[in-house]
Amino acid sequence: MNFEPTVFVIDDDPAVRNAMRFLLESVQMNVQTFASAEQFLQTYTVHMIGCAVVDVRMPGMSGLQLQQRLIQQAFSLPMIFITGHGDVPLAVRAMQNGAAHFLEKPLDDQLLLDAINAALAQDKINQQKRLQLMTIQARLANLTEREHQVFTLVIDKTPSKQIAEKLGISLKTVEYHRARMMEKMHADSILDLLEMTRDARLI
């Protein structure tokens, strides 16, 4: 499995695929080409990093349909759309759905390279966020049931005395579970815990 940043070129025109491969390899970029969105989906996993350069109009699944499929599967691969039709409504839809760029054929080599470099930089940020989310989820999974109950009430800004009343336990026991929860979550303060969970979209 390839974990190096890769440009995935998805276009039903072999001439476009070959030209793009030549251009990108000439600047030492990793490239994989696909003749259809379906072929790409057979290979792609969330662990792959990079960006996709996708033709809007292709036989079978279109570029926009591929974008929707990845959104539904919570994949955040930056996508650069290319078209020979100059279809403004399609461009608007693609950008509204989070496309990195929308370029018209014939492609300007430098504009394409600039767009790809920007998309690769964005994917690096996406990967960092995904790793952060996975780390927080792993920490949460390591909490006991009682610690998770305390965690939920703490991020809801419930005072310890009220937590004790809601859970039917002593204040001392709440403080014990709270301290254990904070340690497992690697949080130095409640503010730190709130920021962590907000970043992970838990609140």
N, C-alpha and C. Protein backbone atom coordinates (compact mmCIF):
# COMPACT_ATOMS: atom_id res chain seq x y z
N MET A 1 0.84 -1.20 0.00
CA MET A 1 0.00 0.00 0.00
C MET A 1 0.88 1.25 0.00
N ASN A 2 0.51 2.22 -0.81
CA ASN A 2 1.34 3.41 -0.97
C ASN A 2 0.91 4.50 0.01
N PHE A 3 1.85 4.89 0.91
CA PHE A 3 1.53 5.94 1.87
C PHE A 3 2.28 7.23 1.55
N GLU A 4 2.93 7.29 0.38
CA GLU A 4 3.57 8.51 -0.08
C GLU A 4 2.52 9.42 -0.71
N PRO A 5 2.68 10.75 -0.57
CA PRO A 5 1.74 11.66 -1.24
C PRO A 5 1.70 11.37 -2.74
N THR A 6 0.51 11.15 -3.25
CA THR A 6 0.33 10.74 -4.64
C THR A 6 -0.74 11.58 -5.30
N VAL A 7 -0.53 11.90 -6.57
CA VAL A 7 -1.55 12.57 -7.37
C VAL A 7 -2.30 11.49 -8.14
N PHE A 8 -3.59 11.36 -7.86
CA PHE A 8 -4.43 10.37 -8.53
C PHE A 8 -5.13 11.06 -9.70
N VAL A 9 -4.77 10.69 -10.91
CA VAL A 9 -5.35 11.28 -12.12
C VAL A 9 -6.46 10.37 -12.62
N ILE A 10 -7.67 10.91 -12.70
CA ILE A 10 -8.83 10.12 -13.09
C ILE A 10 -9.48 10.77 -14.31
N ASP A 11 -9.27 10.16 -15.47
CA ASP A 11 -9.76 10.74 -16.73
C ASP A 11 -9.92 9.61 -17.74
N ASP A 12 -11.03 9.61 -18.47
CA ASP A 12 -11.26 8.53 -19.44
C ASP A 12 -10.46 8.71 -20.73
N ASP A 13 -9.81 9.85 -20.91
CA ASP A 13 -9.01 10.11 -22.10
C ASP A 13 -7.56 9.67 -21.85
N PRO A 14 -7.09 8.62 -22.53
CA PRO A 14 -5.72 8.15 -22.28
C PRO A 14 -4.66 9.19 -22.61
N ALA A 15 -4.92 10.05 -23.60
CA ALA A 15 -3.95 11.09 -23.95
C ALA A 15 -3.77 12.06 -22.80
N VAL A 16 -4.87 12.42 -22.13
CA VAL A 16 -4.80 13.33 -20.98
C VAL A 16 -4.05 12.65 -19.84
N ARG A 17 -4.36 11.39 -19.59
CA ARG A 17 -3.68 10.67 -18.50
C ARG A 17 -2.17 10.60 -18.75
N ASN A 18 -1.79 10.27 -19.97
CA ASN A 18 -0.37 10.13 -20.28
C ASN A 18 0.36 11.47 -20.19
N ALA A 19 -0.27 12.52 -20.70
CA ALA A 19 0.36 13.84 -20.66
C ALA A 19 0.53 14.31 -19.22
N MET A 20 -0.49 14.05 -18.40
CA MET A 20 -0.41 14.48 -17.01
C MET A 20 0.64 13.68 -16.25
N ARG A 21 0.72 12.39 -16.52
CA ARG A 21 1.75 11.57 -15.88
C ARG A 21 3.14 12.10 -16.23
N PHE A 22 3.36 12.39 -17.51
CA PHE A 22 4.67 12.90 -17.95
C PHE A 22 5.01 14.21 -17.24
N LEU A 23 4.03 15.11 -17.17
CA LEU A 23 4.26 16.40 -16.52
C LEU A 23 4.60 16.23 -15.05
N LEU A 24 3.80 15.45 -14.35
CA LEU A 24 3.98 15.33 -12.90
C LEU A 24 5.24 14.55 -12.54
N GLU A 25 5.55 13.53 -13.30
CA GLU A 25 6.78 12.78 -13.03
C GLU A 25 8.01 13.62 -13.35
N SER A 26 7.86 14.59 -14.27
CA SER A 26 9.00 15.46 -14.60
C SER A 26 9.37 16.38 -13.44
N VAL A 27 8.44 16.56 -12.50
CA VAL A 27 8.73 17.37 -11.31
C VAL A 27 8.75 16.48 -10.05
N GLN A 28 9.05 15.20 -10.28
CA GLN A 28 9.25 14.23 -9.19
C GLN A 28 8.02 14.02 -8.30
N MET A 29 6.84 14.06 -8.88
CA MET A 29 5.63 13.74 -8.12
C MET A 29 5.22 12.29 -8.37
N ASN A 30 4.70 11.64 -7.33
CA ASN A 30 4.15 10.30 -7.49
C ASN A 30 2.80 10.39 -8.17
N VAL A 31 2.57 9.54 -9.16
CA VAL A 31 1.34 9.61 -9.95
C VAL A 31 0.74 8.21 -10.10
N GLN A 32 -0.58 8.14 -9.99
CA GLN A 32 -1.32 6.95 -10.37
C GLN A 32 -2.46 7.40 -11.27
N THR A 33 -2.68 6.70 -12.38
CA THR A 33 -3.73 7.11 -13.32
C THR A 33 -4.83 6.05 -13.38
N PHE A 34 -6.05 6.54 -13.61
CA PHE A 34 -7.23 5.67 -13.67
C PHE A 34 -8.13 6.13 -14.82
N ALA A 35 -8.70 5.16 -15.52
CA ALA A 35 -9.55 5.47 -16.66
C ALA A 35 -10.99 5.78 -16.26
N SER A 36 -11.33 5.52 -14.99
CA SER A 36 -12.71 5.77 -14.55
C SER A 36 -12.74 5.96 -13.04
N ALA A 37 -13.82 6.56 -12.56
CA ALA A 37 -14.01 6.72 -11.12
C ALA A 37 -14.15 5.36 -10.45
N GLU A 38 -14.83 4.44 -11.12
CA GLU A 38 -15.03 3.11 -10.56
C GLU A 38 -13.69 2.39 -10.35
N GLN A 39 -12.80 2.53 -11.33
CA GLN A 39 -11.48 1.91 -11.21
C GLN A 39 -10.71 2.51 -10.03
N PHE A 40 -10.81 3.80 -9.86
CA PHE A 40 -10.14 4.47 -8.75
C PHE A 40 -10.67 3.96 -7.41
N LEU A 41 -11.99 3.83 -7.28
CA LEU A 41 -12.59 3.41 -6.02
C LEU A 41 -12.19 1.98 -5.63
N GLN A 42 -11.86 1.16 -6.61
CA GLN A 42 -11.42 -0.20 -6.32
C GLN A 42 -10.06 -0.22 -5.63
N THR A 43 -9.31 0.87 -5.80
CA THR A 43 -7.94 0.95 -5.27
C THR A 43 -7.84 1.84 -4.04
N TYR A 44 -8.61 2.91 -3.99
CA TYR A 44 -8.42 3.95 -2.98
C TYR A 44 -8.89 3.52 -1.60
N THR A 45 -8.10 3.88 -0.59
CA THR A 45 -8.50 3.74 0.81
C THR A 45 -8.20 5.05 1.53
N VAL A 46 -8.79 5.23 2.68
CA VAL A 46 -8.62 6.47 3.45
C VAL A 46 -7.17 6.65 3.90
N HIS A 47 -6.39 5.56 3.89
CA HIS A 47 -5.01 5.67 4.34
C HIS A 47 -4.11 6.30 3.29
N MET A 48 -4.55 6.35 2.04
CA MET A 48 -3.73 6.97 1.00
C MET A 48 -3.78 8.48 1.14
N ILE A 49 -2.67 9.13 0.81
CA ILE A 49 -2.59 10.58 0.95
C ILE A 49 -2.20 11.21 -0.38
N GLY A 50 -2.60 12.45 -0.56
CA GLY A 50 -2.30 13.17 -1.80
C GLY A 50 -3.49 13.99 -2.24
N CYS A 51 -3.77 13.97 -3.53
CA CYS A 51 -4.92 14.68 -4.07
C CYS A 51 -5.35 13.99 -5.36
N ALA A 52 -6.54 14.33 -5.84
CA ALA A 52 -7.07 13.73 -7.07
C ALA A 52 -7.31 14.82 -8.10
N VAL A 53 -6.91 14.55 -9.34
CA VAL A 53 -7.24 15.41 -10.47
C VAL A 53 -8.26 14.64 -11.29
N VAL A 54 -9.49 15.16 -11.35
CA VAL A 54 -10.62 14.38 -11.85
C VAL A 54 -11.34 15.10 -12.98
N ASP A 55 -11.60 14.36 -14.05
CA ASP A 55 -12.42 14.90 -15.13
C ASP A 55 -13.88 14.95 -14.67
N VAL A 56 -14.55 16.04 -14.94
CA VAL A 56 -15.94 16.18 -14.50
C VAL A 56 -16.85 15.19 -15.23
N ARG A 57 -16.69 15.10 -16.55
CA ARG A 57 -17.58 14.26 -17.35
C ARG A 57 -16.85 13.01 -17.80
N MET A 58 -17.32 11.85 -17.31
CA MET A 58 -16.75 10.57 -17.71
C MET A 58 -17.87 9.55 -17.88
N PRO A 59 -17.69 8.55 -18.73
CA PRO A 59 -18.68 7.48 -18.82
C PRO A 59 -18.83 6.80 -17.46
N GLY A 60 -20.04 6.38 -17.13
CA GLY A 60 -20.27 5.78 -15.82
C GLY A 60 -20.35 6.86 -14.76
N MET A 61 -19.64 6.67 -13.66
CA MET A 61 -19.65 7.63 -12.56
C MET A 61 -18.92 8.91 -12.95
N SER A 62 -19.58 10.05 -12.79
CA SER A 62 -18.95 11.33 -13.12
C SER A 62 -18.03 11.78 -12.00
N GLY A 63 -17.26 12.82 -12.29
CA GLY A 63 -16.38 13.36 -11.26
C GLY A 63 -17.14 13.86 -10.05
N LEU A 64 -18.28 14.52 -10.27
CA LEU A 64 -19.08 15.02 -9.15
C LEU A 64 -19.68 13.88 -8.34
N GLN A 65 -20.08 12.80 -9.01
CA GLN A 65 -20.60 11.64 -8.28
C GLN A 65 -19.51 10.99 -7.44
N LEU A 66 -18.29 10.97 -7.97
CA LEU A 66 -17.16 10.45 -7.20
C LEU A 66 -16.94 11.32 -5.96
N GLN A 67 -17.01 12.62 -6.13
CA GLN A 67 -16.86 13.54 -5.01
C GLN A 67 -17.89 13.24 -3.93
N GLN A 68 -19.14 13.06 -4.32
CA GLN A 68 -20.21 12.75 -3.37
C GLN A 68 -19.95 11.43 -2.65
N ARG A 69 -19.48 10.44 -3.40
CA ARG A 69 -19.19 9.14 -2.80
C ARG A 69 -18.12 9.26 -1.70
N LEU A 70 -17.07 10.01 -1.98
CA LEU A 70 -16.01 10.18 -0.99
C LEU A 70 -16.49 10.97 0.21
N ILE A 71 -17.36 11.97 -0.03
CA ILE A 71 -17.93 12.74 1.08
C ILE A 71 -18.75 11.83 1.99
N GLN A 72 -19.57 10.97 1.38
CA GLN A 72 -20.41 10.04 2.15
C GLN A 72 -19.57 9.08 2.98
N GLN A 73 -18.39 8.74 2.48
CA GLN A 73 -17.53 7.80 3.19
C GLN A 73 -16.54 8.53 4.12
N ALA A 74 -16.74 9.85 4.25
CA ALA A 74 -15.93 10.68 5.15
C ALA A 74 -14.47 10.73 4.74
N PHE A 75 -14.18 10.58 3.45
CA PHE A 75 -12.82 10.76 2.95
C PHE A 75 -12.63 12.23 2.61
N SER A 76 -11.46 12.75 2.94
CA SER A 76 -11.24 14.18 2.75
C SER A 76 -10.17 14.46 1.70
N LEU A 77 -10.02 13.58 0.73
CA LEU A 77 -9.01 13.75 -0.32
C LEU A 77 -9.32 15.01 -1.13
N PRO A 78 -8.39 16.01 -1.16
CA PRO A 78 -8.64 17.21 -1.97
C PRO A 78 -8.79 16.84 -3.45
N MET A 79 -9.76 17.46 -4.11
CA MET A 79 -10.05 17.13 -5.50
C MET A 79 -9.94 18.37 -6.38
N ILE A 80 -9.22 18.22 -7.49
CA ILE A 80 -9.10 19.27 -8.50
C ILE A 80 -9.88 18.79 -9.72
N PHE A 81 -10.89 19.54 -10.11
CA PHE A 81 -11.72 19.13 -11.25
C PHE A 81 -11.23 19.78 -12.53
N ILE A 82 -11.24 19.00 -13.59
CA ILE A 82 -10.88 19.53 -14.90
C ILE A 82 -12.02 19.23 -15.88
N THR A 83 -12.23 20.13 -16.84
CA THR A 83 -13.29 19.94 -17.81
C THR A 83 -12.94 20.63 -19.11
N GLY A 84 -13.43 20.08 -20.19
CA GLY A 84 -13.28 20.71 -21.49
C GLY A 84 -14.52 21.44 -21.92
N HIS A 85 -15.48 21.50 -21.00
CA HIS A 85 -16.80 22.05 -21.36
C HIS A 85 -17.05 23.45 -20.79
N GLY A 86 -16.22 23.88 -19.86
CA GLY A 86 -16.42 25.20 -19.27
C GLY A 86 -17.76 25.33 -18.61
N ASP A 87 -18.20 24.28 -17.95
CA ASP A 87 -19.53 24.24 -17.35
C ASP A 87 -19.52 24.95 -16.00
N VAL A 88 -19.99 26.19 -15.98
CA VAL A 88 -19.95 26.98 -14.74
C VAL A 88 -20.83 26.38 -13.63
N PRO A 89 -22.06 25.94 -13.92
CA PRO A 89 -22.86 25.34 -12.83
C PRO A 89 -22.18 24.15 -12.19
N LEU A 90 -21.50 23.32 -13.00
CA LEU A 90 -20.78 22.19 -12.42
C LEU A 90 -19.64 22.67 -11.54
N ALA A 91 -18.95 23.70 -11.98
CA ALA A 91 -17.85 24.26 -11.19
C ALA A 91 -18.36 24.77 -9.84
N VAL A 92 -19.50 25.45 -9.87
CA VAL A 92 -20.08 25.98 -8.64
C VAL A 92 -20.43 24.85 -7.69
N ARG A 93 -21.07 23.80 -8.21
CA ARG A 93 -21.44 22.64 -7.38
C ARG A 93 -20.20 21.99 -6.77
N ALA A 94 -19.17 21.81 -7.60
CA ALA A 94 -17.95 21.17 -7.13
C ALA A 94 -17.30 21.98 -6.01
N MET A 95 -17.22 23.30 -6.19
CA MET A 95 -16.59 24.15 -5.18
C MET A 95 -17.42 24.20 -3.91
N GLN A 96 -18.75 24.22 -4.04
CA GLN A 96 -19.62 24.22 -2.87
C GLN A 96 -19.44 22.94 -2.06
N ASN A 97 -19.11 21.85 -2.74
CA ASN A 97 -18.92 20.57 -2.07
C ASN A 97 -17.48 20.36 -1.60
N GLY A 98 -16.66 21.41 -1.71
CA GLY A 98 -15.33 21.34 -1.13
C GLY A 98 -14.19 21.08 -2.10
N ALA A 99 -14.43 21.22 -3.41
CA ALA A 99 -13.34 21.02 -4.37
C ALA A 99 -12.21 22.02 -4.11
N ALA A 100 -10.99 21.56 -4.34
CA ALA A 100 -9.83 22.43 -4.13
C ALA A 100 -9.71 23.45 -5.26
N HIS A 101 -9.92 22.99 -6.50
CA HIS A 101 -9.80 23.87 -7.67
C HIS A 101 -10.68 23.32 -8.80
N PHE A 102 -10.91 24.18 -9.79
CA PHE A 102 -11.65 23.79 -10.99
C PHE A 102 -10.94 24.42 -12.18
N LEU A 103 -10.38 23.59 -13.06
CA LEU A 103 -9.57 24.08 -14.17
C LEU A 103 -10.16 23.63 -15.51
N GLU A 104 -10.03 24.48 -16.52
CA GLU A 104 -10.54 24.16 -17.85
C GLU A 104 -9.43 23.63 -18.75
N LYS A 105 -9.81 22.66 -19.60
CA LYS A 105 -8.91 22.18 -20.65
C LYS A 105 -8.95 23.18 -21.81
N PRO A 106 -7.85 23.35 -22.55
CA PRO A 106 -6.54 22.74 -22.31
C PRO A 106 -5.89 23.32 -21.06
N LEU A 107 -5.24 22.46 -20.30
CA LEU A 107 -4.70 22.86 -19.02
C LEU A 107 -3.40 23.64 -19.16
N ASP A 108 -3.27 24.67 -18.37
CA ASP A 108 -2.00 25.39 -18.26
C ASP A 108 -1.14 24.63 -17.25
N ASP A 109 0.04 24.19 -17.69
CA ASP A 109 0.87 23.34 -16.84
C ASP A 109 1.17 23.97 -15.49
N GLN A 110 1.53 25.25 -15.49
CA GLN A 110 1.91 25.89 -14.23
C GLN A 110 0.71 26.06 -13.30
N LEU A 111 -0.46 26.41 -13.88
CA LEU A 111 -1.67 26.52 -13.05
C LEU A 111 -2.02 25.18 -12.43
N LEU A 112 -1.86 24.12 -13.22
CA LEU A 112 -2.15 22.78 -12.70
C LEU A 112 -1.19 22.41 -11.58
N LEU A 113 0.10 22.65 -11.78
CA LEU A 113 1.08 22.33 -10.75
C LEU A 113 0.85 23.15 -9.48
N ASP A 114 0.51 24.42 -9.64
CA ASP A 114 0.22 25.26 -8.48
C ASP A 114 -0.99 24.72 -7.71
N ALA A 115 -2.03 24.32 -8.45
CA ALA A 115 -3.24 23.78 -7.83
C ALA A 115 -2.93 22.48 -7.10
N ILE A 116 -2.12 21.63 -7.71
CA ILE A 116 -1.77 20.35 -7.09
C ILE A 116 -0.94 20.57 -5.83
N ASN A 117 0.03 21.47 -5.88
CA ASN A 117 0.84 21.74 -4.70
C ASN A 117 0.00 22.27 -3.54
N ALA A 118 -0.96 23.14 -3.86
CA ALA A 118 -1.86 23.66 -2.83
C ALA A 118 -2.72 22.54 -2.25
N ALA A 119 -3.22 21.65 -3.12
CA ALA A 119 -4.05 20.54 -2.67
C ALA A 119 -3.26 19.57 -1.81
N LEU A 120 -2.01 19.30 -2.16
CA LEU A 120 -1.16 18.41 -1.36
C LEU A 120 -0.89 19.02 0.02
N ALA A 121 -0.71 20.33 0.06
CA ALA A 121 -0.51 21.00 1.35
C ALA A 121 -1.78 20.89 2.21
N GLN A 122 -2.94 21.02 1.58
CA GLN A 122 -4.20 20.89 2.30
C GLN A 122 -4.39 19.48 2.83
N ASP A 123 -4.00 18.48 2.02
CA ASP A 123 -4.16 17.10 2.46
C ASP A 123 -3.27 16.80 3.66
N LYS A 124 -2.10 17.42 3.71
CA LYS A 124 -1.22 17.23 4.86
C LYS A 124 -1.90 17.71 6.14
N ILE A 125 -2.61 18.84 6.03
CA ILE A 125 -3.37 19.35 7.18
C ILE A 125 -4.51 18.39 7.52
N ASN A 126 -5.21 17.90 6.48
CA ASN A 126 -6.30 16.95 6.70
C ASN A 126 -5.82 15.70 7.42
N GLN A 127 -4.65 15.20 7.01
CA GLN A 127 -4.11 14.00 7.63
C GLN A 127 -3.76 14.24 9.09
N GLN A 128 -3.24 15.41 9.39
CA GLN A 128 -2.91 15.74 10.79
C GLN A 128 -4.17 15.78 11.64
N LYS A 129 -5.24 16.34 11.07
CA LYS A 129 -6.52 16.40 11.79
C LYS A 129 -7.09 15.00 11.98
N ARG A 130 -6.95 14.17 10.95
CA ARG A 130 -7.47 12.80 11.05
C ARG A 130 -6.70 12.01 12.10
N LEU A 131 -5.38 12.19 12.14
CA LEU A 131 -4.57 11.50 13.14
C LEU A 131 -4.93 11.97 14.54
N GLN A 132 -5.17 13.28 14.67
CA GLN A 132 -5.57 13.82 15.97
C GLN A 132 -6.90 13.22 16.41
N LEU A 133 -7.85 13.12 15.49
CA LEU A 133 -9.15 12.55 15.80
C LEU A 133 -9.02 11.09 16.23
N MET A 134 -8.21 10.32 15.50
CA MET A 134 -8.03 8.91 15.83
C MET A 134 -7.38 8.75 17.21
N THR A 135 -6.46 9.65 17.53
CA THR A 135 -5.79 9.60 18.83
C THR A 135 -6.78 9.86 19.96
N ILE A 136 -7.64 10.88 19.78
CA ILE A 136 -8.63 11.20 20.80
C ILE A 136 -9.64 10.07 20.95
N GLN A 137 -10.06 9.49 19.83
CA GLN A 137 -11.01 8.37 19.88
C GLN A 137 -10.41 7.18 20.62
N ALA A 138 -9.11 6.94 20.41
CA ALA A 138 -8.44 5.83 21.09
C ALA A 138 -8.38 6.09 22.60
N ARG A 139 -8.13 7.33 22.97
CA ARG A 139 -8.10 7.68 24.39
C ARG A 139 -9.48 7.49 25.02
N LEU A 140 -10.51 7.91 24.31
CA LEU A 140 -11.88 7.75 24.82
C LEU A 140 -12.23 6.28 25.00
N ALA A 141 -11.79 5.46 24.06
CA ALA A 141 -12.09 4.03 24.12
C ALA A 141 -11.41 3.37 25.31
N ASN A 142 -10.36 4.02 25.84
CA ASN A 142 -9.61 3.47 26.97
C ASN A 142 -10.24 3.84 28.31
N LEU A 143 -11.26 4.70 28.30
CA LEU A 143 -11.93 5.08 29.54
C LEU A 143 -12.86 3.95 30.00
N THR A 144 -12.97 3.81 31.32
CA THR A 144 -13.97 2.89 31.86
C THR A 144 -15.36 3.51 31.68
N GLU A 145 -16.38 2.73 31.91
CA GLU A 145 -17.75 3.25 31.77
C GLU A 145 -17.97 4.43 32.71
N ARG A 146 -17.51 4.32 33.94
CA ARG A 146 -17.71 5.41 34.91
C ARG A 146 -16.89 6.64 34.51
N GLU A 147 -15.66 6.43 34.04
CA GLU A 147 -14.84 7.55 33.60
C GLU A 147 -15.47 8.25 32.41
N HIS A 148 -16.11 7.47 31.53
CA HIS A 148 -16.77 8.09 30.37
C HIS A 148 -17.98 8.90 30.82
N GLN A 149 -18.69 8.42 31.83
CA GLN A 149 -19.82 9.18 32.37
C GLN A 149 -19.33 10.51 32.94
N VAL A 150 -18.24 10.45 33.68
CA VAL A 150 -17.67 11.67 34.26
C VAL A 150 -17.19 12.59 33.15
N PHE A 151 -16.54 12.03 32.14
CA PHE A 151 -16.06 12.81 31.00
C PHE A 151 -17.21 13.59 30.35
N THR A 152 -18.32 12.91 30.10
CA THR A 152 -19.47 13.53 29.44
C THR A 152 -20.01 14.69 30.27
N LEU A 153 -20.07 14.51 31.57
CA LEU A 153 -20.59 15.57 32.44
C LEU A 153 -19.59 16.71 32.59
N VAL A 154 -18.30 16.39 32.61
CA VAL A 154 -17.27 17.42 32.73
C VAL A 154 -17.26 18.34 31.52
N ILE A 155 -17.32 17.76 30.30
CA ILE A 155 -17.30 18.62 29.11
C ILE A 155 -18.62 19.38 28.96
N ASP A 156 -19.65 18.93 29.72
CA ASP A 156 -20.91 19.68 29.75
C ASP A 156 -20.86 20.75 30.84
N LYS A 157 -19.66 20.90 31.45
CA LYS A 157 -19.38 21.92 32.46
C LYS A 157 -20.22 21.73 33.72
N THR A 158 -20.48 20.46 34.05
CA THR A 158 -21.22 20.14 35.27
C THR A 158 -20.26 20.14 36.46
N PRO A 159 -20.57 20.88 37.53
CA PRO A 159 -19.70 20.89 38.72
C PRO A 159 -19.61 19.50 39.34
N SER A 160 -18.49 19.23 40.01
CA SER A 160 -18.26 17.90 40.60
C SER A 160 -19.35 17.49 41.58
N LYS A 161 -19.85 18.46 42.36
CA LYS A 161 -20.90 18.13 43.32
C LYS A 161 -22.15 17.62 42.62
N GLN A 162 -22.51 18.26 41.50
CA GLN A 162 -23.69 17.82 40.74
C GLN A 162 -23.43 16.49 40.04
N ILE A 163 -22.18 16.27 39.62
CA ILE A 163 -21.83 14.97 39.02
C ILE A 163 -22.05 13.87 40.04
N ALA A 164 -21.62 14.12 41.26
CA ALA A 164 -21.79 13.12 42.33
C ALA A 164 -23.26 12.81 42.55
N GLU A 165 -24.09 13.85 42.55
CA GLU A 165 -25.53 13.66 42.76
C GLU A 165 -26.15 12.88 41.59
N LYS A 166 -25.77 13.24 40.36
CA LYS A 166 -26.35 12.57 39.19
C LYS A 166 -25.95 11.10 39.10
N LEU A 167 -24.71 10.81 39.50
CA LEU A 167 -24.22 9.44 39.39
C LEU A 167 -24.43 8.63 40.67
N GLY A 168 -24.86 9.29 41.72
CA GLY A 168 -25.12 8.59 42.97
C GLY A 168 -23.85 8.08 43.63
N ILE A 169 -22.79 8.87 43.53
CA ILE A 169 -21.51 8.49 44.13
C ILE A 169 -20.99 9.66 44.96
N SER A 170 -19.95 9.40 45.74
CA SER A 170 -19.42 10.46 46.61
C SER A 170 -18.59 11.45 45.79
N LEU A 171 -18.42 12.63 46.37
CA LEU A 171 -17.61 13.66 45.72
C LEU A 171 -16.16 13.17 45.58
N LYS A 172 -15.69 12.45 46.59
CA LYS A 172 -14.32 11.93 46.54
C LYS A 172 -14.15 10.94 45.39
N THR A 173 -15.17 10.12 45.16
CA THR A 173 -15.12 9.15 44.06
C THR A 173 -15.16 9.86 42.71
N VAL A 174 -15.95 10.93 42.62
CA VAL A 174 -15.99 11.73 41.39
C VAL A 174 -14.61 12.28 41.09
N GLU A 175 -13.97 12.85 42.10
CA GLU A 175 -12.64 13.44 41.91
C GLU A 175 -11.62 12.39 41.48
N TYR A 176 -11.76 11.17 42.02
CA TYR A 176 -10.86 10.09 41.64
C TYR A 176 -11.03 9.75 40.16
N HIS A 177 -12.29 9.52 39.73
CA HIS A 177 -12.56 9.16 38.33
C HIS A 177 -12.21 10.32 37.40
N ARG A 178 -12.44 11.52 37.89
CA ARG A 178 -12.12 12.69 37.07
C ARG A 178 -10.61 12.79 36.82
N ALA A 179 -9.84 12.56 37.88
CA ALA A 179 -8.39 12.61 37.74
C ALA A 179 -7.89 11.52 36.81
N ARG A 180 -8.46 10.32 36.91
CA ARG A 180 -8.07 9.21 36.04
C ARG A 180 -8.44 9.51 34.60
N MET A 181 -9.63 10.08 34.40
CA MET A 181 -10.09 10.43 33.06
C MET A 181 -9.19 11.48 32.43
N MET A 182 -8.84 12.50 33.17
CA MET A 182 -7.98 13.56 32.66
C MET A 182 -6.59 13.00 32.28
N GLU A 183 -6.11 12.09 33.10
CA GLU A 183 -4.80 11.48 32.83
C GLU A 183 -4.85 10.66 31.53
N LYS A 184 -5.90 9.85 31.37
CA LYS A 184 -6.02 9.02 30.17
C LYS A 184 -6.25 9.85 28.91
N MET A 185 -6.90 11.00 29.07
CA MET A 185 -7.16 11.86 27.91
C MET A 185 -5.98 12.78 27.62
N HIS A 186 -4.94 12.74 28.49
CA HIS A 186 -3.76 13.59 28.32
C HIS A 186 -4.16 15.08 28.32
N ALA A 187 -5.07 15.43 29.21
CA ALA A 187 -5.55 16.81 29.34
C ALA A 187 -5.02 17.41 30.63
N ASP A 188 -4.40 18.57 30.53
CA ASP A 188 -3.84 19.22 31.71
C ASP A 188 -4.86 20.09 32.44
N SER A 189 -5.94 20.45 31.74
CA SER A 189 -6.96 21.30 32.35
C SER A 189 -8.30 21.04 31.67
N ILE A 190 -9.38 21.56 32.25
CA ILE A 190 -10.70 21.41 31.64
C ILE A 190 -10.73 22.14 30.30
N LEU A 191 -10.08 23.29 30.22
CA LEU A 191 -10.02 24.02 28.96
C LEU A 191 -9.32 23.18 27.89
N ASP A 192 -8.24 22.52 28.27
CA ASP A 192 -7.52 21.64 27.36
C ASP A 192 -8.43 20.51 26.88
N LEU A 193 -9.21 19.95 27.80
CA LEU A 193 -10.14 18.86 27.46
C LEU A 193 -11.22 19.35 26.51
N LEU A 194 -11.75 20.55 26.77
CA LEU A 194 -12.79 21.11 25.91
C LEU A 194 -12.27 21.39 24.51
N GLU A 195 -11.05 21.93 24.41
CA GLU A 195 -10.46 22.21 23.11
C GLU A 195 -10.22 20.92 22.34
N MET A 196 -9.77 19.88 23.05
CA MET A 196 -9.50 18.60 22.43
C MET A 196 -10.77 17.99 21.86
N THR A 197 -11.83 18.00 22.65
CA THR A 197 -13.07 17.40 22.20
C THR A 197 -13.76 18.23 21.13
N ARG A 198 -13.54 19.55 21.18
CA ARG A 198 -14.10 20.41 20.13
C ARG A 198 -13.40 20.14 18.81
N ASP A 199 -12.10 19.99 18.85
CA ASP A 199 -11.34 19.69 17.64
C ASP A 199 -11.78 18.36 17.03
N ALA A 200 -12.15 17.41 17.92
CA ALA A 200 -12.59 16.11 17.45
C ALA A 200 -14.09 16.08 17.16
N ARG A 201 -14.73 17.26 17.28
CA ARG A 201 -16.16 17.42 16.99
C ARG A 201 -17.02 16.52 17.88
N LEU A 202 -16.57 16.39 19.14
CA LEU A 202 -17.36 15.62 20.10
C LEU A 202 -18.35 16.53 20.81
N ILE A 203 -18.16 17.86 20.69
CA ILE A 203 -19.10 18.81 21.28
C ILE A 203 -19.41 19.90 20.26
